[in-house]
C-alpha atoms as a PDB file:
ATOM      1  CA  MET A   1     -20.925 -14.749 -18.559  1.00  0.00           C
ATOM      2  CA  SER A   2     -21.018 -15.393 -22.293  1.00  0.00           C
ATOM      3  CA  ARG A   3     -18.241 -17.438 -23.886  1.00  0.00           C
ATOM      4  CA  ARG A   4     -19.257 -16.554 -27.435  1.00  0.00           C
ATOM      5  CA  GLY A   5     -16.409 -16.858 -29.859  1.00  0.00           C
ATOM      6  CA  LYS A   6     -14.262 -19.050 -27.609  1.00  0.00           C
ATOM      7  CA  LEU A   7     -13.291 -22.510 -28.782  1.00  0.00           C
ATOM      8  CA  TYR A   8     -14.427 -25.371 -26.563  1.00  0.00           C
ATOM      9  CA  VAL A   9     -15.626 -28.851 -27.397  1.00  0.00           C
ATOM     10  CA  SER A  10     -18.722 -29.340 -25.258  1.00  0.00           C
ATOM     11  CA  TYR A  11     -20.463 -28.704 -21.977  1.00  0.00           C
ATOM     12  CA  LYS A  12     -19.678 -32.231 -20.765  1.00  0.00           C
ATOM     13  CA  VAL A  13     -18.241 -31.295 -17.368  1.00  0.00           C
ATOM     14  CA  GLU A  14     -20.936 -28.722 -16.639  1.00  0.00           C
ATOM     15  CA  PHE A  15     -23.631 -31.142 -17.750  1.00  0.00           C
ATOM     16  CA  GLU A  16     -22.510 -34.005 -15.527  1.00  0.00           C
ATOM     17  CA  GLU A  17     -22.149 -31.670 -12.536  1.00  0.00           C
ATOM     18  CA  SER A  18     -25.656 -30.304 -13.126  1.00  0.00           C
ATOM     19  CA  VAL A  19     -27.085 -33.831 -13.145  1.00  0.00           C
ATOM     20  CA  LYS A  20     -25.346 -34.588  -9.856  1.00  0.00           C
ATOM     21  CA  ASP A  21     -26.698 -31.356  -8.434  1.00  0.00           C
ATOM     22  CA  TYR A  22     -30.214 -32.600  -9.220  1.00  0.00           C
ATOM     23  CA  TRP A  23     -29.703 -35.441  -6.757  1.00  0.00           C
ATOM     24  CA  ARG A  24     -28.038 -33.210  -4.158  1.00  0.00           C
ATOM     25  CA  VAL A  25     -30.979 -30.815  -4.201  1.00  0.00           C
ATOM     26  CA  ARG A  26     -33.502 -33.660  -3.915  1.00  0.00           C
ATOM     27  CA  ALA A  27     -31.661 -35.094  -0.925  1.00  0.00           C
ATOM     28  CA  GLY A  28     -31.545 -31.671   0.722  1.00  0.00           C
ATOM     29  CA  GLN A  29     -35.269 -31.176   0.213  1.00  0.00           C
ATOM     30  CA  ARG A  30     -35.994 -34.528   1.859  1.00  0.00           C
ATOM     31  CA  ARG A  31     -33.758 -33.739   4.833  1.00  0.00           C
ATOM     32  CA  ARG A  32     -35.427 -30.375   5.381  1.00  0.00           C
ATOM     33  CA  GLN A  33     -38.866 -31.980   5.327  1.00  0.00           C
ATOM     34  CA  GLU A  34     -37.782 -34.636   7.785  1.00  0.00           C
ATOM     35  CA  ASP A  35     -36.356 -31.960  10.088  1.00  0.00           C
ATOM     36  CA  ARG A  36     -39.748 -30.230  10.061  1.00  0.00           C
ATOM     37  CA  GLY A  37     -41.559 -33.504  10.732  1.00  0.00           C
ATOM     38  CA  VAL A  38     -43.270 -33.427   7.329  1.00  0.00           C
ATOM     39  CA  VAL A  39     -44.065 -36.787   5.759  1.00  0.00           C
ATOM     40  CA  ASP A  40     -44.852 -37.000   2.029  1.00  0.00           C
ATOM     41  CA  VAL A  41     -46.142 -40.038   0.218  1.00  0.00           C
ATOM     42  CA  GLY A  42     -43.638 -42.113  -1.778  1.00  0.00           C
ATOM     43  CA  GLY A  43     -40.886 -40.069  -3.381  1.00  0.00           C
ATOM     44  CA  ARG A  44     -42.829 -36.822  -3.241  1.00  0.00           C
ATOM     45  CA  ALA A  45     -40.741 -35.627  -0.299  1.00  0.00           C
ATOM     46  CA  ASP A  46     -37.782 -35.339  -2.654  1.00  0.00           C
ATOM     47  CA  VAL A  47     -39.475 -33.088  -5.177  1.00  0.00           C
ATOM     48  CA  THR A  48     -41.955 -30.786  -3.470  1.00  0.00           C
ATOM     49  CA  GLY A  49     -39.284 -28.068  -3.240  1.00  0.00           C
ATOM     50  CA  GLY A  50     -39.353 -27.742  -7.034  1.00  0.00           C
ATOM     51  CA  GLN A  51     -35.727 -26.658  -7.354  1.00  0.00           C
ATOM     52  CA  GLN A  52     -34.060 -29.892  -8.430  1.00  0.00           C
ATOM     53  CA  MET A  53     -33.825 -29.003 -12.143  1.00  0.00           C
ATOM     54  CA  LYS A  54     -32.461 -25.488 -11.628  1.00  0.00           C
ATOM     55  CA  SER A  55     -28.813 -26.309 -12.367  1.00  0.00           C
ATOM     56  CA  LEU A  56     -29.764 -28.001 -15.623  1.00  0.00           C
ATOM     57  CA  THR A  57     -32.016 -25.079 -16.531  1.00  0.00           C
ATOM     58  CA  ARG A  58     -29.189 -22.631 -15.865  1.00  0.00           C
ATOM     59  CA  LEU A  59     -26.828 -24.685 -18.020  1.00  0.00           C
ATOM     60  CA  ILE A  60     -29.211 -24.660 -20.990  1.00  0.00           C
ATOM     61  CA  ALA A  61     -29.698 -20.933 -20.470  1.00  0.00           C
ATOM     62  CA  GLN A  62     -25.914 -20.551 -20.535  1.00  0.00           C
ATOM     63  CA  VAL A  63     -25.777 -22.165 -23.974  1.00  0.00           C
ATOM     64  CA  PHE A  64     -28.122 -19.488 -25.310  1.00  0.00           C
ATOM     65  CA  ALA A  65     -26.048 -16.794 -23.595  1.00  0.00           C
ATOM     66  CA  ASP A  66     -22.840 -18.177 -25.085  1.00  0.00           C
ATOM     67  CA  GLU A  67     -24.414 -17.916 -28.528  1.00  0.00           C
ATOM     68  CA  GLY A  68     -24.976 -14.198 -28.043  1.00  0.00           C
ATOM     69  CA  PHE A  69     -28.397 -13.677 -26.466  1.00  0.00           C
ATOM     70  CA  PRO A  70     -28.383 -10.974 -23.792  1.00  0.00           C
ATOM     71  CA  GLU A  71     -29.370 -11.734 -20.216  1.00  0.00           C
ATOM     72  CA  GLU A  72     -32.669  -9.870 -20.530  1.00  0.00           C
ATOM     73  CA  SER A  73     -33.754 -12.190 -23.366  1.00  0.00           C
ATOM     74  CA  ILE A  74     -33.336 -15.369 -21.293  1.00  0.00           C
ATOM     75  CA  ARG A  75     -36.107 -16.105 -18.809  1.00  0.00           C
ATOM     76  CA  MET A  76     -35.792 -18.681 -16.028  1.00  0.00           C
ATOM     77  CA  HIS A  77     -37.589 -17.148 -13.050  1.00  0.00           C
ATOM     78  CA  SER A  78     -40.504 -15.065 -14.295  1.00  0.00           C
ATOM     79  CA  GLY A  79     -42.318 -14.196 -17.489  1.00  0.00           C
ATOM     80  CA  LEU A  80     -42.477 -17.874 -18.410  1.00  0.00           C
ATOM     81  CA  ASP A  81     -46.117 -18.055 -19.511  1.00  0.00           C
ATOM     82  CA  LEU A  82     -46.961 -18.438 -23.189  1.00  0.00           C
ATOM     83  CA  PRO A  83     -50.440 -18.004 -24.654  1.00  0.00           C
ATOM     84  CA  GLY A  84     -52.025 -21.253 -25.747  1.00  0.00           C
ATOM     85  CA  TYR A  85     -54.663 -22.357 -28.205  1.00  0.00           C
ATOM     86  CA  TYR A  86     -56.514 -24.859 -26.027  1.00  0.00           C
ATOM     87  CA  ARG A  87     -55.970 -22.917 -22.787  1.00  0.00           C
ATOM     88  CA  PRO A  88     -55.189 -19.296 -21.956  1.00  0.00           C
ATOM     89  CA  THR A  89     -51.549 -19.785 -20.940  1.00  0.00           C
ATOM     90  CA  LYS A  90     -48.916 -22.419 -20.196  1.00  0.00           C
ATOM     91  CA  GLU A  91     -45.804 -21.923 -18.049  1.00  0.00           C
ATOM     92  CA  TRP A  92     -42.545 -23.276 -19.471  1.00  0.00           C
ATOM     93  CA  ASP A  93     -39.276 -23.890 -17.619  1.00  0.00           C
ATOM     94  CA  LEU A  94     -37.114 -21.697 -19.858  1.00  0.00           C
ATOM     95  CA  LEU A  95     -37.953 -19.101 -22.500  1.00  0.00           C
ATOM     96  CA  VAL A  96     -35.774 -17.056 -24.811  1.00  0.00           C
ATOM     97  CA  VAL A  97     -37.538 -13.963 -26.174  1.00  0.00           C
ATOM     98  CA  HIS A  98     -35.401 -11.651 -28.299  1.00  0.00           C
ATOM     99  CA  ASN A  99     -36.466  -8.619 -30.333  1.00  0.00           C
ATOM    100  CA  GLU A 100     -40.110  -9.666 -30.075  1.00  0.00           C
ATOM    101  CA  ASN A 101     -39.263 -13.153 -31.368  1.00  0.00           C
ATOM    102  CA  LEU A 102     -39.997 -16.256 -29.301  1.00  0.00           C
ATOM    103  CA  VAL A 103     -36.647 -17.901 -29.938  1.00  0.00           C
ATOM    104  CA  ALA A 104     -37.117 -20.986 -27.772  1.00  0.00           C
ATOM    105  CA  ALA A 105     -39.212 -22.685 -25.117  1.00  0.00           C
ATOM    106  CA  VAL A 106     -37.763 -25.562 -23.097  1.00  0.00           C
ATOM    107  CA  GLU A 107     -39.281 -28.104 -20.725  1.00  0.00           C
ATOM    108  CA  LEU A 108     -37.165 -30.101 -18.247  1.00  0.00           C
ATOM    109  CA  LYS A 109     -38.788 -33.108 -16.589  1.00  0.00           C
ATOM    110  CA  SER A 110     -37.710 -36.106 -14.543  1.00  0.00           C
ATOM    111  CA  ILE A 111     -39.024 -39.293 -12.969  1.00  0.00           C
ATOM    112  CA  ALA A 112     -37.398 -40.697  -9.842  1.00  0.00           C
ATOM    113  CA  SER A 113     -40.277 -42.692  -8.299  1.00  0.00           C
ATOM    114  CA  SER A 114     -43.758 -44.103  -9.055  1.00  0.00           C
ATOM    115  CA  PHE A 115     -42.596 -44.788 -12.587  1.00  0.00           C
ATOM    116  CA  GLY A 116     -45.915 -46.020 -14.007  1.00  0.00           C
ATOM    117  CA  ASN A 117     -48.120 -43.135 -12.928  1.00  0.00           C
ATOM    118  CA  ASN A 118     -45.461 -40.501 -13.502  1.00  0.00           C
ATOM    119  CA  MET A 119     -44.648 -41.796 -16.975  1.00  0.00           C
ATOM    120  CA  ASN A 120     -48.237 -41.389 -18.138  1.00  0.00           C
ATOM    121  CA  ASN A 121     -48.382 -37.885 -16.683  1.00  0.00           C
ATOM    122  CA  ARG A 122     -45.130 -36.841 -18.361  1.00  0.00           C
ATOM    123  CA  ILE A 123     -46.279 -38.130 -21.742  1.00  0.00           C
ATOM    124  CA  GLU A 124     -49.602 -36.306 -21.562  1.00  0.00           C
ATOM    125  CA  GLU A 125     -47.905 -33.083 -20.437  1.00  0.00           C
ATOM    126  CA  ALA A 126     -45.235 -33.154 -23.128  1.00  0.00           C
ATOM    127  CA  VAL A 127     -47.550 -33.924 -26.027  1.00  0.00           C
ATOM    128  CA  GLY A 128     -50.203 -31.477 -24.877  1.00  0.00           C
ATOM    129  CA  SER A 129     -47.787 -28.617 -24.282  1.00  0.00           C
ATOM    130  CA  ALA A 130     -46.119 -28.966 -27.669  1.00  0.00           C
ATOM    131  CA  GLU A 131     -49.391 -29.291 -29.570  1.00  0.00           C
ATOM    132  CA  ASP A 132     -50.803 -26.273 -27.736  1.00  0.00           C
ATOM    133  CA  VAL A 133     -47.894 -23.956 -28.503  1.00  0.00           C
ATOM    134  CA  ARG A 134     -47.515 -25.165 -32.107  1.00  0.00           C
ATOM    135  CA  THR A 135     -51.164 -24.419 -32.759  1.00  0.00           C
ATOM    136  CA  ALA A 136     -50.932 -21.076 -30.947  1.00  0.00           C
ATOM    137  CA  PHE A 137     -48.129 -20.107 -33.341  1.00  0.00           C
ATOM    138  CA  ARG A 138     -50.233 -21.136 -36.332  1.00  0.00           C
ATOM    139  CA  GLU A 139     -53.003 -18.898 -35.030  1.00  0.00           C
ATOM    140  CA  GLN A 140     -50.545 -15.975 -34.858  1.00  0.00           C
ATOM    141  CA  LEU A 141     -50.465 -15.764 -31.060  1.00  0.00           C
ATOM    142  CA  LEU A 142     -46.673 -16.066 -30.690  1.00  0.00           C
ATOM    143  CA  GLY A 143     -45.043 -13.593 -33.028  1.00  0.00           C
ATOM    144  CA  PRO A 144     -43.656 -13.900 -36.554  1.00  0.00           C
ATOM    145  CA  THR A 145     -41.058 -16.672 -36.108  1.00  0.00           C
ATOM    146  CA  LYS A 146     -41.772 -20.324 -35.428  1.00  0.00           C
ATOM    147  CA  PRO A 147     -40.434 -21.140 -31.927  1.00  0.00           C
ATOM    148  CA  TRP A 148     -37.792 -23.802 -31.256  1.00  0.00           C
ATOM    149  CA  LEU A 149     -39.056 -26.282 -28.657  1.00  0.00           C
ATOM    150  CA  GLY A 150     -36.733 -28.415 -26.547  1.00  0.00           C
ATOM    151  CA  TYR A 151     -37.534 -31.284 -24.177  1.00  0.00           C
ATOM    152  CA  PHE A 152     -35.079 -32.580 -21.573  1.00  0.00           C
ATOM    153  CA  PHE A 153     -35.987 -35.784 -19.747  1.00  0.00           C
ATOM    154  CA  MET A 154     -34.190 -37.709 -17.015  1.00  0.00           C
ATOM    155  CA  ILE A 155     -35.155 -40.987 -15.340  1.00  0.00           C
ATOM    156  CA  ALA A 156     -33.661 -42.550 -12.208  1.00  0.00           C
ATOM    157  CA  ASP A 157     -31.480 -45.584 -12.771  1.00  0.00           C
ATOM    158  CA  GLU A 158     -32.725 -48.211 -10.340  1.00  0.00           C
ATOM    159  CA  GLN A 159     -34.065 -51.744 -10.466  1.00  0.00           C
ATOM    160  CA  LYS A 160     -37.701 -50.688 -10.870  1.00  0.00           C
ATOM    161  CA  SER A 161     -36.924 -48.581 -13.920  1.00  0.00           C
ATOM    162  CA  ARG A 162     -34.765 -51.344 -15.449  1.00  0.00           C
ATOM    163  CA  ASN A 163     -37.212 -54.218 -14.977  1.00  0.00           C
ATOM    164  CA  PRO A 164     -39.422 -55.323 -17.911  1.00  0.00           C
ATOM    165  CA  THR A 165     -43.009 -54.069 -17.668  1.00  0.00           C
ATOM    166  CA  ARG A 166     -46.156 -55.992 -18.507  1.00  0.00           C
ATOM    167  CA  GLN A 167     -49.494 -54.787 -19.811  1.00  0.00           C
ATOM    168  CA  ARG A 168     -51.967 -54.927 -16.924  1.00  0.00           C
ATOM    169  CA  THR A 169     -55.092 -54.223 -18.946  1.00  0.00           C
ATOM    170  CA  SER A 170     -56.694 -55.766 -22.013  1.00  0.00           C
ATOM    171  CA  PRO A 171     -56.686 -53.052 -24.696  1.00  0.00           C
ATOM    172  CA  ALA A 172     -59.262 -53.076 -27.449  1.00  0.00           C
ATOM    173  CA  PHE A 173     -56.514 -53.361 -30.087  1.00  0.00           C
ATOM    174  CA  PRO A 174     -52.947 -54.730 -30.107  1.00  0.00           C
ATOM    175  CA  VAL A 175     -50.281 -52.602 -28.450  1.00  0.00           C
ATOM    176  CA  ASP A 176     -47.229 -51.437 -30.399  1.00  0.00           C
ATOM    177  CA  PRO A 177     -44.844 -54.420 -30.075  1.00  0.00           C
ATOM    178  CA  LEU A 178     -41.970 -52.086 -29.196  1.00  0.00           C
ATOM    179  CA  PHE A 179     -43.624 -51.661 -25.810  1.00  0.00           C
ATOM    180  CA  ASP A 180     -43.781 -55.401 -25.119  1.00  0.00           C
ATOM    181  CA  GLU A 181     -42.013 -55.944 -21.789  1.00  0.00           C
ATOM    182  CA  ALA A 182     -40.084 -52.720 -22.292  1.00  0.00           C
ATOM    183  CA  SER A 183     -38.658 -51.293 -19.074  1.00  0.00           C
ATOM    184  CA  TYR A 184     -39.578 -47.775 -17.988  1.00  0.00           C
ATOM    185  CA  GLN A 185     -36.150 -46.713 -19.167  1.00  0.00           C
ATOM    186  CA  LYS A 186     -36.819 -48.121 -22.629  1.00  0.00           C
ATOM    187  CA  ARG A 187     -40.310 -46.648 -22.685  1.00  0.00           C
ATOM    188  CA  SER A 188     -38.806 -43.274 -21.807  1.00  0.00           C
ATOM    189  CA  GLU A 189     -36.372 -43.544 -24.682  1.00  0.00           C
ATOM    190  CA  LEU A 190     -39.177 -44.371 -27.125  1.00  0.00           C
ATOM    191  CA  PHE A 191     -41.268 -41.519 -25.755  1.00  0.00           C
ATOM    192  CA  CYS A 192     -38.511 -38.918 -26.170  1.00  0.00           C
ATOM    193  CA  ARG A 193     -37.532 -40.139 -29.622  1.00  0.00           C
ATOM    194  CA  ARG A 194     -41.098 -40.032 -30.869  1.00  0.00           C
ATOM    195  CA  LEU A 195     -41.551 -36.486 -29.585  1.00  0.00           C
ATOM    196  CA  TYR A 196     -38.774 -35.561 -31.986  1.00  0.00           C
ATOM    197  CA  LEU A 197     -39.799 -37.805 -34.873  1.00  0.00           C
ATOM    198  CA  GLU A 198     -43.334 -36.412 -34.822  1.00  0.00           C
ATOM    199  CA  GLU A 199     -41.855 -32.876 -34.830  1.00  0.00           C
ATOM    200  CA  LEU A 200     -43.526 -31.929 -31.577  1.00  0.00           C
ATOM    201  CA  TYR A 201     -40.116 -30.835 -30.300  1.00  0.00           C
ATOM    202  CA  ASP A 202     -37.107 -29.682 -32.301  1.00  0.00           C
ATOM    203  CA  ALA A 203     -34.686 -31.486 -29.995  1.00  0.00           C
ATOM    204  CA  THR A 204     -34.980 -33.966 -27.145  1.00  0.00           C
ATOM    205  CA  CYS A 205     -32.390 -35.088 -24.613  1.00  0.00           C
ATOM    206  CA  TYR A 206     -32.750 -38.365 -22.728  1.00  0.00           C
ATOM    207  CA  VAL A 207     -30.664 -39.094 -19.624  1.00  0.00           C
ATOM    208  CA  VAL A 208     -30.446 -41.939 -17.117  1.00  0.00           C
ATOM    209  CA  SER A 209     -28.806 -41.178 -13.788  1.00  0.00           C
ATOM    210  CA  SER A 210     -28.516 -42.455 -10.232  1.00  0.00           C
ATOM    211  CA  LYS A 211     -28.480 -40.814  -6.819  1.00  0.00           C
ATOM    212  CA  GLU A 212     -25.299 -42.739  -5.989  1.00  0.00           C
ATOM    213  CA  PRO A 213     -22.481 -40.144  -5.898  1.00  0.00           C
ATOM    214  CA  GLU A 214     -19.953 -42.251  -7.823  1.00  0.00           C
ATOM    215  CA  SER A 215     -22.349 -43.361 -10.551  1.00  0.00           C
ATOM    216  CA  GLN A 216     -21.958 -42.327 -14.188  1.00  0.00           C
ATOM    217  CA  VAL A 217     -24.385 -40.136 -16.093  1.00  0.00           C
ATOM    218  CA  VAL A 218     -25.718 -42.368 -18.863  1.00  0.00           C
ATOM    219  CA  GLN A 219     -27.001 -41.213 -22.249  1.00  0.00           C
ATOM    220  CA  PRO A 220     -28.154 -44.488 -23.837  1.00  0.00           C
ATOM    221  CA  ALA A 221     -29.513 -43.012 -27.074  1.00  0.00           C
ATOM    222  CA  LEU A 222     -26.899 -41.531 -29.389  1.00  0.00           C
ATOM    223  CA  ASP A 223     -29.559 -39.517 -31.212  1.00  0.00           C
ATOM    224  CA  MET A 224     -30.671 -37.779 -28.004  1.00  0.00           C
ATOM    225  CA  THR A 225     -27.479 -36.791 -26.211  1.00  0.00           C
ATOM    226  CA  PHE A 226     -26.938 -33.458 -24.507  1.00  0.00           C
ATOM    227  CA  GLU A 227     -24.262 -32.715 -27.103  1.00  0.00           C
ATOM    228  CA  ARG A 228     -26.844 -33.008 -29.898  1.00  0.00           C
ATOM    229  CA  PHE A 229     -29.319 -30.977 -27.861  1.00  0.00           C
ATOM    230  CA  VAL A 230     -26.742 -28.195 -27.576  1.00  0.00           C
ATOM    231  CA  ALA A 231     -25.953 -28.419 -31.303  1.00  0.00           C
ATOM    232  CA  SER A 232     -29.634 -27.884 -32.107  1.00  0.00           C
ATOM    233  CA  ILE A 233     -29.732 -24.850 -29.816  1.00  0.00           C
ATOM    234  CA  LYS A 234     -26.678 -23.417 -31.542  1.00  0.00           C
ATOM    235  CA  GLY A 235     -28.272 -23.818 -34.951  1.00  0.00           C
ATOM    236  CA  ARG A 236     -31.434 -22.099 -33.825  1.00  0.00           C
ATOM    237  CA  ALA A 237     -29.526 -19.292 -32.110  1.00  0.00           C
ATOM    238  CA  ARG A 238     -27.424 -18.534 -35.158  1.00  0.00           C
ATOM    239  CA  PHE A 239     -30.461 -18.455 -37.414  1.00  0.00           C
ATOM    240  CA  ILE A 240     -32.300 -15.963 -35.196  1.00  0.00           C
ATOM    241  CA  LEU A 241     -29.273 -13.741 -34.670  1.00  0.00           C
ATOM    242  CA  SER A 242     -28.543 -13.735 -38.402  1.00  0.00           C
ATOM    243  CA  LEU A 243     -31.905 -12.048 -38.976  1.00  0.00           C
ATOM    244  CA  GLU A 244     -30.512  -8.960 -37.261  1.00  0.00           C
ATOM    245  CA  ASP A 245     -28.042  -8.541 -40.137  1.00  0.00           C
ATOM    246  CA  LEU A 246     -30.692  -8.563 -42.882  1.00  0.00           C
END
């Protein structure tokens, strides 16, 4: 249900509950696999169900709805493929398509295990997806209005993600000193910030959270909070909807 026009400060309560739901869903997926006698490698048992980000996706969709986009313009379950430039199509986690305008495309990703391998995969996915859709727009494959791209990223708060990391290879040239002994949490923060600074995404949100029920949802970077993410959505939504009055 849309809350457009109502006065409220933020989505803080809904956001924190959605993050907690991520961990509840993961735990449920693991239990169901164990009940069936299925054994996955590492933390994969928690995520093979693919539903753990649904509450967060629904919350972001709700922000667009509250700004006035009708239900039929907000896609979370189907019709999520966009044409690409380097490949035929790419599926996103959330699309908003209104009056033949691609209003927004959002990716939601997380890392809760195998931090090294998963971090590299997430970086390659995020950069590639943004570059692909930006170029597809330039080549007039995505309608008349430049799409707003959002990237939501969450990493598990545990000792392995907090520990300093060390370069295990000998690169041909010096590594950016900001990565020297940076933990996976710090590397994630740098990654998300640079996605925004390089204008690959119009807004990024970076979250650290734990599976412990009483733990706090942490947003360590003031420039990448969910509140700022929502503010960027609101700005984009109002711009697009204002075109209807021209």
